[in-house]
């Protein structure tokens, strides 16, 4: 049960990551993750394969039953929380800069 919840959380964390990334890009920022930059070459729906990869990886880890997989899910979730927080911080900084510049 805990593995399924951790997997679900990992998939759900993709939503704020994708949203904040798109906002940062709209404000003139850039994607720092080379893997995601590669996915972005697919066009505006770049996030579909990202979400599919997250769902596949989360499902695999949740269903494996390995204790290491649970630790990996916890680590991935912690990393994504940090990514989303970093994105939010960067987004707010860029919005303040745009407002100060009169935009």
PDB file of N, CA and C in Angstrom:
ATOM      1  N   UNK A   1       0.826  -1.203   0.000  1.00  0.00           N
ATOM      2  CA  UNK A   1       0.000   0.000   0.000  1.00  0.00           C
ATOM      3  C   UNK A   1       0.866   1.261   0.000  1.00  0.00           C
ATOM      4  N   UNK A   2       1.894   1.278   0.854  1.00  0.00           N
ATOM      5  CA  UNK A   2       2.757   2.456   0.927  1.00  0.00           C
ATOM      6  C   UNK A   2       3.493   2.660  -0.399  1.00  0.00           C
ATOM      7  N   UNK A   3       3.890   1.558  -1.045  1.00  0.00           N
ATOM      8  CA  UNK A   3       4.570   1.670  -2.328  1.00  0.00           C
ATOM      9  C   UNK A   3       3.659   2.302  -3.381  1.00  0.00           C
ATOM     10  N   UNK A   4       2.400   1.913  -3.379  1.00  0.00           N
ATOM     11  CA  UNK A   4       1.447   2.479  -4.335  1.00  0.00           C
ATOM     12  C   UNK A   4       1.249   3.973  -4.076  1.00  0.00           C
ATOM     13  N   UNK A   5       1.175   4.364  -2.819  1.00  0.00           N
ATOM     14  CA  UNK A   5       1.016   5.786  -2.489  1.00  0.00           C
ATOM     15  C   UNK A   5       2.252   6.589  -2.886  1.00  0.00           C
ATOM     16  N   UNK A   6       3.429   6.019  -2.653  1.00  0.00           N
ATOM     17  CA  UNK A   6       4.663   6.693  -3.055  1.00  0.00           C
ATOM     18  C   UNK A   6       4.733   6.833  -4.578  1.00  0.00           C
ATOM     19  N   UNK A   7       4.303   5.797  -5.282  1.00  0.00           N
ATOM     20  CA  UNK A   7       4.291   5.839  -6.744  1.00  0.00           C
ATOM     21  C   UNK A   7       3.303   6.894  -7.240  1.00  0.00           C
ATOM     22  N   UNK A   8       2.130   6.935  -6.632  1.00  0.00           N
ATOM     23  CA  UNK A   8       1.127   7.928  -7.005  1.00  0.00           C
ATOM     24  C   UNK A   8       1.654   9.342  -6.752  1.00  0.00           C
ATOM     25  N   UNK A   9       2.294   9.534  -5.626  1.00  0.00           N
ATOM     26  CA  UNK A   9       2.861  10.846  -5.312  1.00  0.00           C
ATOM     27  C   UNK A   9       3.898  11.254  -6.352  1.00  0.00           C
ATOM     28  N   UNK A  10       4.734  10.308  -6.762  1.00  0.00           N
ATOM     29  CA  UNK A  10       5.748  10.614  -7.768  1.00  0.00           C
ATOM     30  C   UNK A  10       5.105  11.062  -9.078  1.00  0.00           C
ATOM     31  N   UNK A  11       4.046  10.399  -9.469  1.00  0.00           N
ATOM     32  CA  UNK A  11       3.350  10.777 -10.701  1.00  0.00           C
ATOM     33  C   UNK A  11       2.671  12.140 -10.523  1.00  0.00           C
ATOM     34  N   UNK A  12       2.035  12.351  -9.384  1.00  0.00           N
ATOM     35  CA  UNK A  12       1.351  13.626  -9.142  1.00  0.00           C
ATOM     36  C   UNK A  12       2.317  14.798  -9.054  1.00  0.00           C
ATOM     37  N   UNK A  13       3.523  14.558  -8.571  1.00  0.00           N
ATOM     38  CA  UNK A  13       4.516  15.627  -8.486  1.00  0.00           C
ATOM     39  C   UNK A  13       4.959  16.105  -9.864  1.00  0.00           C
ATOM     40  N   UNK A  14       4.694  15.315 -10.895  1.00  0.00           N
ATOM     41  CA  UNK A  14       5.029  15.748 -12.251  1.00  0.00           C
ATOM     42  C   UNK A  14       4.191  16.951 -12.661  1.00  0.00           C
ATOM     43  N   UNK A  15       2.977  17.032 -12.135  1.00  0.00           N
ATOM     44  CA  UNK A  15       2.056  18.109 -12.535  1.00  0.00           C
ATOM     45  C   UNK A  15       2.604  19.482 -12.142  1.00  0.00           C
ATOM     46  N   UNK A  16       2.950  19.715 -10.863  1.00  0.00           N
ATOM     47  CA  UNK A  16       3.512  21.036 -10.552  1.00  0.00           C
ATOM     48  C   UNK A  16       4.886  21.256 -11.197  1.00  0.00           C
ATOM     49  N   UNK A  17       5.638  20.186 -11.416  1.00  0.00           N
ATOM     50  CA  UNK A  17       6.924  20.344 -12.091  1.00  0.00           C
ATOM     51  C   UNK A  17       6.711  20.821 -13.525  1.00  0.00           C
ATOM     52  N   UNK A  18       5.799  20.202 -14.227  1.00  0.00           N
ATOM     53  CA  UNK A  18       5.512  20.584 -15.614  1.00  0.00           C
ATOM     54  C   UNK A  18       4.945  22.003 -15.667  1.00  0.00           C
ATOM     55  N   UNK A  19       4.014  22.310 -14.775  1.00  0.00           N
ATOM     56  CA  UNK A  19       3.387  23.635 -14.761  1.00  0.00           C
ATOM     57  C   UNK A  19       4.420  24.726 -14.489  1.00  0.00           C
ATOM     58  N   UNK A  20       5.236  24.533 -13.459  1.00  0.00           N
ATOM     59  CA  UNK A  20       6.219  25.560 -13.135  1.00  0.00           C
ATOM     60  C   UNK A  20       7.269  25.670 -14.240  1.00  0.00           C
ATOM     61  N   UNK A  21       7.656  24.552 -14.835  1.00  0.00           N
ATOM     62  CA  UNK A  21       8.606  24.596 -15.941  1.00  0.00           C
ATOM     63  C   UNK A  21       8.044  25.405 -17.098  1.00  0.00           C
ATOM     64  N   UNK A  22       6.799  25.161 -17.455  1.00  0.00           N
ATOM     65  CA  UNK A  22       6.176  25.909 -18.547  1.00  0.00           C
ATOM     66  C   UNK A  22       6.089  27.398 -18.226  1.00  0.00           C
ATOM     67  N   UNK A  23       5.796  27.731 -16.981  1.00  0.00           N
ATOM     68  CA  UNK A  23       5.736  29.154 -16.570  1.00  0.00           C
ATOM     69  C   UNK A  23       7.115  29.796 -16.683  1.00  0.00           C
ATOM     70  N   UNK A  24       8.135  29.098 -16.232  1.00  0.00           N
ATOM     71  CA  UNK A  24       9.503  29.628 -16.315  1.00  0.00           C
ATOM     72  C   UNK A  24       9.894  29.837 -17.771  1.00  0.00           C
ATOM     73  N   UNK A  25       9.566  28.896 -18.631  1.00  0.00           N
ATOM     74  CA  UNK A  25       9.879  29.033 -20.053  1.00  0.00           C
ATOM     75  C   UNK A  25       9.138  30.225 -20.655  1.00  0.00           C
ATOM     76  N   UNK A  26       7.885  30.425 -20.255  1.00  0.00           N
ATOM     77  CA  UNK A  26       7.101  31.553 -20.756  1.00  0.00           C
ATOM     78  C   UNK A  26       7.684  32.893 -20.292  1.00  0.00           C
ATOM     79  N   UNK A  27       8.355  32.873 -19.161  1.00  0.00           N
ATOM     80  CA  UNK A  27       8.976  34.095 -18.634  1.00  0.00           C
ATOM     81  C   UNK A  27      10.383  34.317 -19.194  1.00  0.00           C
ATOM     82  N   UNK A  28      10.809  33.443 -20.099  1.00  0.00           N
ATOM     83  CA  UNK A  28      12.112  33.606 -20.726  1.00  0.00           C
ATOM     84  C   UNK A  28      13.205  32.738 -20.139  1.00  0.00           C
ATOM     85  N   UNK A  29      12.840  31.849 -19.226  1.00  0.00           N
ATOM     86  CA  UNK A  29      13.822  30.953 -18.626  1.00  0.00           C
ATOM     87  C   UNK A  29      14.147  29.796 -19.552  1.00  0.00           C
ATOM     88  N   UNK A  30      14.955  28.894 -19.055  1.00  0.00           N
ATOM     89  CA  UNK A  30      15.340  27.737 -19.862  1.00  0.00           C
ATOM     90  C   UNK A  30      15.329  26.488 -18.993  1.00  0.00           C
ATOM     91  N   UNK A  31      15.192  25.363 -19.663  1.00  0.00           N
ATOM     92  CA  UNK A  31      15.211  24.061 -18.988  1.00  0.00           C
ATOM     93  C   UNK A  31      16.659  23.657 -18.768  1.00  0.00           C
ATOM     94  N   UNK A  32      16.988  23.284 -17.537  1.00  0.00           N
ATOM     95  CA  UNK A  32      18.352  22.904 -17.202  1.00  0.00           C
ATOM     96  C   UNK A  32      18.603  21.404 -17.355  1.00  0.00           C
ATOM     97  N   UNK A  33      17.560  20.597 -17.269  1.00  0.00           N
ATOM     98  CA  UNK A  33      17.706  19.148 -17.366  1.00  0.00           C
ATOM     99  C   UNK A  33      17.855  18.749 -18.833  1.00  0.00           C
ATOM    100  N   UNK A  34      19.010  18.188 -19.213  1.00  0.00           N
ATOM    101  CA  UNK A  34      19.211  17.844 -20.630  1.00  0.00           C
ATOM    102  C   UNK A  34      18.225  16.799 -21.149  1.00  0.00           C
ATOM    103  N   UNK A  35      17.798  15.887 -20.303  1.00  0.00           N
ATOM    104  CA  UNK A  35      16.821  14.884 -20.735  1.00  0.00           C
ATOM    105  C   UNK A  35      15.483  15.517 -21.054  1.00  0.00           C
ATOM    106  N   UNK A  36      15.052  16.435 -20.229  1.00  0.00           N
ATOM    107  CA  UNK A  36      13.784  17.127 -20.472  1.00  0.00           C
ATOM    108  C   UNK A  36      13.919  18.066 -21.677  1.00  0.00           C
ATOM    109  N   UNK A  37      15.080  18.714 -21.822  1.00  0.00           N
ATOM    110  CA  UNK A  37      15.313  19.548 -23.015  1.00  0.00           C
ATOM    111  C   UNK A  37      15.141  18.721 -24.284  1.00  0.00           C
ATOM    112  N   UNK A  38      15.614  17.492 -24.242  1.00  0.00           N
ATOM    113  CA  UNK A  38      15.457  16.596 -25.391  1.00  0.00           C
ATOM    114  C   UNK A  38      13.973  16.310 -25.649  1.00  0.00           C
ATOM    115  N   UNK A  39      13.216  16.042 -24.586  1.00  0.00           N
ATOM    116  CA  UNK A  39      11.779  15.801 -24.749  1.00  0.00           C
ATOM    117  C   UNK A  39      11.073  17.027 -25.316  1.00  0.00           C
ATOM    118  N   UNK A  40      11.555  18.210 -24.952  1.00  0.00           N
ATOM    119  CA  UNK A  40      10.911  19.444 -25.409  1.00  0.00           C
ATOM    120  C   UNK A  40      11.031  19.630 -26.915  1.00  0.00           C
ATOM    121  N   UNK A  41      11.953  18.929 -27.531  1.00  0.00           N
ATOM    122  CA  UNK A  41      12.069  18.991 -28.989  1.00  0.00           C
ATOM    123  C   UNK A  41      10.860  18.369 -29.677  1.00  0.00           C
ATOM    124  N   UNK A  42      10.079  17.616 -28.915  1.00  0.00           N
ATOM    125  CA  UNK A  42       8.883  16.974 -29.470  1.00  0.00           C
ATOM    126  C   UNK A  42       7.753  17.973 -29.694  1.00  0.00           C
ATOM    127  N   UNK A  43       7.855  19.149 -29.099  1.00  0.00           N
ATOM    128  CA  UNK A  43       6.821  20.169 -29.274  1.00  0.00           C
ATOM    129  C   UNK A  43       6.090  20.471 -27.990  1.00  0.00           C
ATOM    130  N   UNK A  44       4.959  21.171 -28.113  1.00  0.00           N
ATOM    131  CA  UNK A  44       4.247  21.659 -26.922  1.00  0.00           C
ATOM    132  C   UNK A  44       3.698  20.559 -26.001  1.00  0.00           C
ATOM    133  N   UNK A  45       3.579  19.388 -26.500  1.00  0.00           N
ATOM    134  CA  UNK A  45       3.097  18.284 -25.647  1.00  0.00           C
ATOM    135  C   UNK A  45       4.263  17.430 -25.150  1.00  0.00           C
ATOM    136  N   UNK A  46       5.412  18.060 -24.967  1.00  0.00           N
ATOM    137  CA  UNK A  46       6.616  17.378 -24.478  1.00  0.00           C
ATOM    138  C   UNK A  46       6.380  16.670 -23.165  1.00  0.00           C
ATOM    139  N   UNK A  47       5.444  17.158 -22.401  1.00  0.00           N
ATOM    140  CA  UNK A  47       5.233  16.624 -21.060  1.00  0.00           C
ATOM    141  C   UNK A  47       4.529  15.267 -21.057  1.00  0.00           C
ATOM    142  N   UNK A  48       3.892  14.893 -22.164  1.00  0.00           N
ATOM    143  CA  UNK A  48       3.238  13.568 -22.215  1.00  0.00           C
ATOM    144  C   UNK A  48       4.250  12.439 -22.025  1.00  0.00           C
ATOM    145  N   UNK A  49       5.345  12.419 -22.775  1.00  0.00           N
ATOM    146  CA  UNK A  49       6.322  11.342 -22.546  1.00  0.00           C
ATOM    147  C   UNK A  49       6.976  11.437 -21.173  1.00  0.00           C
ATOM    148  N   UNK A  50       7.145  12.653 -20.646  1.00  0.00           N
ATOM    149  CA  UNK A  50       7.713  12.805 -19.305  1.00  0.00           C
ATOM    150  C   UNK A  50       6.785  12.151 -18.288  1.00  0.00           C
ATOM    151  N   UNK A  51       5.502  12.424 -18.431  1.00  0.00           N
ATOM    152  CA  UNK A  51       4.514  11.835 -17.523  1.00  0.00           C
ATOM    153  C   UNK A  51       4.461  10.321 -17.694  1.00  0.00           C
ATOM    154  N   UNK A  52       4.533   9.845 -18.928  1.00  0.00           N
ATOM    155  CA  UNK A  52       4.522   8.400 -19.187  1.00  0.00           C
ATOM    156  C   UNK A  52       5.745   7.720 -18.584  1.00  0.00           C
ATOM    157  N   UNK A  53       6.909   8.350 -18.702  1.00  0.00           N
ATOM    158  CA  UNK A  53       8.124   7.792 -18.106  1.00  0.00           C
ATOM    159  C   UNK A  53       8.009   7.728 -16.580  1.00  0.00           C
ATOM    160  N   UNK A  54       7.472   8.783 -15.996  1.00  0.00           N
ATOM    161  CA  UNK A  54       7.307   8.805 -14.537  1.00  0.00           C
ATOM    162  C   UNK A  54       6.324   7.719 -14.094  1.00  0.00           C
ATOM    163  N   UNK A  55       5.233   7.575 -14.825  1.00  0.00           N
ATOM    164  CA  UNK A  55       4.237   6.553 -14.494  1.00  0.00           C
ATOM    165  C   UNK A  55       4.836   5.157 -14.614  1.00  0.00           C
ATOM    166  N   UNK A  56       5.598   4.925 -15.671  1.00  0.00           N
ATOM    167  CA  UNK A  56       6.224   3.617 -15.880  1.00  0.00           C
ATOM    168  C   UNK A  56       7.236   3.309 -14.783  1.00  0.00           C
ATOM    169  N   UNK A  57       8.106   4.272 -14.493  1.00  0.00           N
ATOM    170  CA  UNK A  57       9.127   4.067 -13.466  1.00  0.00           C
ATOM    171  C   UNK A  57       8.502   3.892 -12.089  1.00  0.00           C
ATOM    172  N   UNK A  58       7.516   4.716 -11.768  1.00  0.00           N
ATOM    173  CA  UNK A  58       6.859   4.628 -10.464  1.00  0.00           C
ATOM    174  C   UNK A  58       6.136   3.288 -10.324  1.00  0.00           C
ATOM    175  N   UNK A  59       5.435   2.885 -11.375  1.00  0.00           N
ATOM    176  CA  UNK A  59       4.734   1.605 -11.339  1.00  0.00           C
ATOM    177  C   UNK A  59       5.678   0.436 -11.183  1.00  0.00           C
ATOM    178  N   UNK A  60       6.765   0.468 -11.918  1.00  0.00           N
ATOM    179  CA  UNK A  60       7.759  -0.599 -11.826  1.00  0.00           C
ATOM    180  C   UNK A  60       8.319  -0.700 -10.406  1.00  0.00           C
ATOM    181  N   UNK A  61       8.696   0.453  -9.854  1.00  0.00           N
ATOM    182  CA  UNK A  61       9.255   0.435  -8.492  1.00  0.00           C
ATOM    183  C   UNK A  61       8.221  -0.030  -7.470  1.00  0.00           C
ATOM    184  N   UNK A  62       6.985   0.418  -7.626  1.00  0.00           N
ATOM    185  CA  UNK A  62       5.940   0.046  -6.664  1.00  0.00           C
ATOM    186  C   UNK A  62       5.625  -1.443  -6.722  1.00  0.00           C
ATOM    187  N   UNK A  63       5.661  -2.009  -7.908  1.00  0.00           N
ATOM    188  CA  UNK A  63       5.295  -3.413  -8.075  1.00  0.00           C
ATOM    189  C   UNK A  63       6.455  -4.384  -7.854  1.00  0.00           C
ATOM    190  N   UNK A  64       7.665  -3.875  -7.782  1.00  0.00           N
ATOM    191  CA  UNK A  64       8.828  -4.761  -7.677  1.00  0.00           C
ATOM    192  C   UNK A  64       8.894  -5.472  -6.329  1.00  0.00           C
ATOM    193  N   UNK A  65       8.408  -4.838  -5.287  1.00  0.00           N
ATOM    194  CA  UNK A  65       8.464  -5.441  -3.957  1.00  0.00           C
ATOM    195  C   UNK A  65       9.844  -5.404  -3.326  1.00  0.00           C
ATOM    196  N   UNK A  66      10.789  -4.803  -3.988  1.00  0.00           N
ATOM    197  CA  UNK A  66      12.146  -4.716  -3.459  1.00  0.00           C
ATOM    198  C   UNK A  66      12.247  -3.560  -2.460  1.00  0.00           C
ATOM    199  N   UNK A  67      12.923  -3.789  -1.333  1.00  0.00           N
ATOM    200  CA  UNK A  67      13.075  -2.691  -0.362  1.00  0.00           C
ATOM    201  C   UNK A  67      13.839  -1.503  -0.959  1.00  0.00           C
ATOM    202  N   UNK A  68      14.781  -1.792  -1.853  1.00  0.00           N
ATOM    203  CA  UNK A  68      15.532  -0.717  -2.494  1.00  0.00           C
ATOM    204  C   UNK A  68      14.629   0.144  -3.369  1.00  0.00           C
ATOM    205  N   UNK A  69      13.609  -0.465  -3.948  1.00  0.00           N
ATOM    206  CA  UNK A  69      12.679   0.270  -4.795  1.00  0.00           C
ATOM    207  C   UNK A  69      11.885   1.270  -3.963  1.00  0.00           C
ATOM    208  N   UNK A  70      11.500   0.876  -2.760  1.00  0.00           N
ATOM    209  CA  UNK A  70      10.792   1.809  -1.879  1.00  0.00           C
ATOM    210  C   UNK A  70      11.703   2.986  -1.538  1.00  0.00           C
ATOM    211  N   UNK A  71      12.952   2.699  -1.242  1.00  0.00           N
ATOM    212  CA  UNK A  71      13.899   3.777  -0.956  1.00  0.00           C
ATOM    213  C   UNK A  71      14.077   4.684  -2.171  1.00  0.00           C
ATOM    214  N   UNK A  72      14.096   4.083  -3.351  1.00  0.00           N
ATOM    215  CA  UNK A  72      14.219   4.872  -4.578  1.00  0.00           C
ATOM    216  C   UNK A  72      12.993   5.766  -4.774  1.00  0.00           C
ATOM    217  N   UNK A  73      11.818   5.240  -4.478  1.00  0.00           N
ATOM    218  CA  UNK A  73      10.600   6.054  -4.577  1.00  0.00           C
ATOM    219  C   UNK A  73      10.644   7.225  -3.605  1.00  0.00           C
ATOM    220  N   UNK A  74      11.068   6.966  -2.394  1.00  0.00           N
ATOM    221  CA  UNK A  74      11.186   8.040  -1.404  1.00  0.00           C
ATOM    222  C   UNK A  74      12.188   9.088  -1.894  1.00  0.00           C
ATOM    223  N   UNK A  75      13.326   8.633  -2.397  1.00  0.00           N
ATOM    224  CA  UNK A  75      14.358   9.549  -2.889  1.00  0.00           C
ATOM    225  C   UNK A  75      13.857  10.359  -4.089  1.00  0.00           C
ATOM    226  N   UNK A  76      13.176   9.697  -5.005  1.00  0.00           N
ATOM    227  CA  UNK A  76      12.636  10.401  -6.178  1.00  0.00           C
ATOM    228  C   UNK A  76      11.597  11.440  -5.769  1.00  0.00           C
ATOM    229  N   UNK A  77      10.733  11.077  -4.837  1.00  0.00           N
ATOM    230  CA  UNK A  77       9.737  12.034  -4.357  1.00  0.00           C
ATOM    231  C   UNK A  77      10.397  13.228  -3.690  1.00  0.00           C
ATOM    232  N   UNK A  78      11.390  12.971  -2.865  1.00  0.00           N
ATOM    233  CA  UNK A  78      12.100  14.069  -2.198  1.00  0.00           C
ATOM    234  C   UNK A  78      12.767  14.968  -3.240  1.00  0.00           C
ATOM    235  N   UNK A  79      13.375  14.353  -4.240  1.00  0.00           N
ATOM    236  CA  UNK A  79      14.028  15.138  -5.295  1.00  0.00           C
ATOM    237  C   UNK A  79      13.012  15.991  -6.040  1.00  0.00           C
ATOM    238  N   UNK A  80      11.854  15.424  -6.357  1.00  0.00           N
ATOM    239  CA  UNK A  80      10.847  16.196  -7.091  1.00  0.00           C
ATOM    240  C   UNK A  80      10.250  17.311  -6.247  1.00  0.00           C
ATOM    241  N   UNK A  81      10.097  17.093  -4.956  1.00  0.00           N
ATOM    242  CA  UNK A  81       9.639  18.183  -4.089  1.00  0.00           C
ATOM    243  C   UNK A  81      10.647  19.327  -4.154  1.00  0.00           C
ATOM    244  N   UNK A  82      11.938  18.996  -4.093  1.00  0.00           N
ATOM    245  CA  UNK A  82      12.974  20.029  -4.183  1.00  0.00           C
ATOM    246  C   UNK A  82      12.962  20.712  -5.553  1.00  0.00           C
ATOM    247  N   UNK A  83      12.750  19.958  -6.610  1.00  0.00           N
ATOM    248  CA  UNK A  83      12.680  20.537  -7.951  1.00  0.00           C
ATOM    249  C   UNK A  83      11.516  21.513  -8.047  1.00  0.00           C
ATOM    250  N   UNK A  84      10.359  21.111  -7.558  1.00  0.00           N
ATOM    251  CA  UNK A  84       9.180  21.989  -7.620  1.00  0.00           C
ATOM    252  C   UNK A  84       9.412  23.242  -6.786  1.00  0.00           C
ATOM    253  N   UNK A  85       9.975  23.095  -5.595  1.00  0.00           N
ATOM    254  CA  UNK A  85      10.260  24.269  -4.761  1.00  0.00           C
ATOM    255  C   UNK A  85      11.261  25.193  -5.451  1.00  0.00           C
ATOM    256  N   UNK A  86      12.272  24.619  -6.065  1.00  0.00           N
ATOM    257  CA  UNK A  86      13.247  25.423  -6.802  1.00  0.00           C
ATOM    258  C   UNK A  86      12.589  26.140  -7.976  1.00  0.00           C
ATOM    259  N   UNK A  87      11.738  25.433  -8.701  1.00  0.00           N
ATOM    260  CA  UNK A  87      11.018  26.050  -9.816  1.00  0.00           C
ATOM    261  C   UNK A  87      10.142  27.200  -9.341  1.00  0.00           C
ATOM    262  N   UNK A  88       9.434  26.995  -8.240  1.00  0.00           N
ATOM    263  CA  UNK A  88       8.579  28.061  -7.698  1.00  0.00           C
ATOM    264  C   UNK A  88       9.412  29.284  -7.325  1.00  0.00           C
ATOM    265  N   UNK A  89      10.544  29.044  -6.713  1.00  0.00           N
ATOM    266  CA  UNK A  89      11.444  30.141  -6.329  1.00  0.00           C
ATOM    267  C   UNK A  89      11.932  30.882  -7.562  1.00  0.00           C
ATOM    268  N   UNK A  90      12.365  30.140  -8.572  1.00  0.00           N
ATOM    269  CA  UNK A  90      12.844  30.756  -9.806  1.00  0.00           C
ATOM    270  C   UNK A  90      11.723  31.503 -10.520  1.00  0.00           C
ATOM    271  N   UNK A  91      10.543  30.932 -10.539  1.00  0.00           N
ATOM    272  CA  UNK A  91       9.405  31.553 -11.201  1.00  0.00           C
ATOM    273  C   UNK A  91       9.067  32.884 -10.536  1.00  0.00           C
ATOM    274  N   UNK A  92       9.010  32.899  -9.218  1.00  0.00           N
ATOM    275  CA  UNK A  92       8.692  34.133  -8.494  1.00  0.00           C
ATOM    276  C   UNK A  92       9.778  35.188  -8.721  1.00  0.00           C
ATOM    277  N   UNK A  93      11.023  34.769  -8.738  1.00  0.00           N
ATOM    278  CA  UNK A  93      12.131  35.692  -8.990  1.00  0.00           C
ATOM    279  C   UNK A  93      11.998  36.310 -10.381  1.00  0.00           C
ATOM    280  N   UNK A  94      11.675  35.489 -11.365  1.00  0.00           N
ATOM    281  CA  UNK A  94      11.525  35.982 -12.733  1.00  0.00           C
ATOM    282  C   UNK A  94      10.319  36.906 -12.860  1.00  0.00           C
ATOM    283  N   UNK A  95       9.243  36.613 -12.151  1.00  0.00           N
ATOM    284  CA  UNK A  95       8.055  37.477 -12.177  1.00  0.00           C
ATOM    285  C   UNK A  95       8.370  38.841 -11.559  1.00  0.00           C
ATOM    286  N   UNK A  96       9.109  38.843 -10.451  1.00  0.00           N
ATOM    287  CA  UNK A  96       9.497  40.116  -9.818  1.00  0.00           C
ATOM    288  C   UNK A  96      10.375  40.936 -10.762  1.00  0.00           C
ATOM    289  N   UNK A  97      11.306  40.281 -11.419  1.00  0.00           N
ATOM    290  CA  UNK A  97      12.207  40.956 -12.348  1.00  0.00           C
ATOM    291  C   UNK A  97      11.397  41.564 -13.506  1.00  0.00           C
ATOM    292  N   UNK A  98      10.437  40.808 -14.021  1.00  0.00           N
ATOM    293  CA  UNK A  98       9.608  41.297 -15.130  1.00  0.00           C
ATOM    294  C   UNK A  98       8.774  42.490 -14.687  1.00  0.00           C
ATOM    295  N   UNK A  99       8.218  42.434 -13.484  1.00  0.00           N
ATOM    296  CA  UNK A  99       7.432  43.564 -12.979  1.00  0.00           C
ATOM    297  C   UNK A  99       8.297  44.803 -12.784  1.00  0.00           C
ATOM    298  N   UNK A 100       9.489  44.604 -12.253  1.00  0.00           N
ATOM    299  CA  UNK A 100      10.390  45.726 -12.005  1.00  0.00           C
ATOM    300  C   UNK A 100      10.827  46.382 -13.322  1.00  0.00           C
ATOM    301  N   UNK A 101      10.905  45.567 -14.377  1.00  0.00           N
ATOM    302  CA  UNK A 101      11.302  46.091 -15.683  1.00  0.00           C
ATOM    303  C   UNK A 101      10.122  46.708 -16.423  1.00  0.00           C
ATOM    304  N   UNK A 102       8.960  46.647 -15.794  1.00  0.00           N
ATOM    305  CA  UNK A 102       7.778  47.239 -16.421  1.00  0.00           C
ATOM    306  C   UNK A 102       7.014  46.312 -17.329  1.00  0.00           C
ATOM    307  N   UNK A 103       7.313  44.994 -17.221  1.00  0.00           N
ATOM    308  CA  UNK A 103       6.639  44.039 -18.125  1.00  0.00           C
ATOM    309  C   UNK A 103       5.635  43.288 -17.482  1.00  0.00           C
TER     310      UNK A 103
END
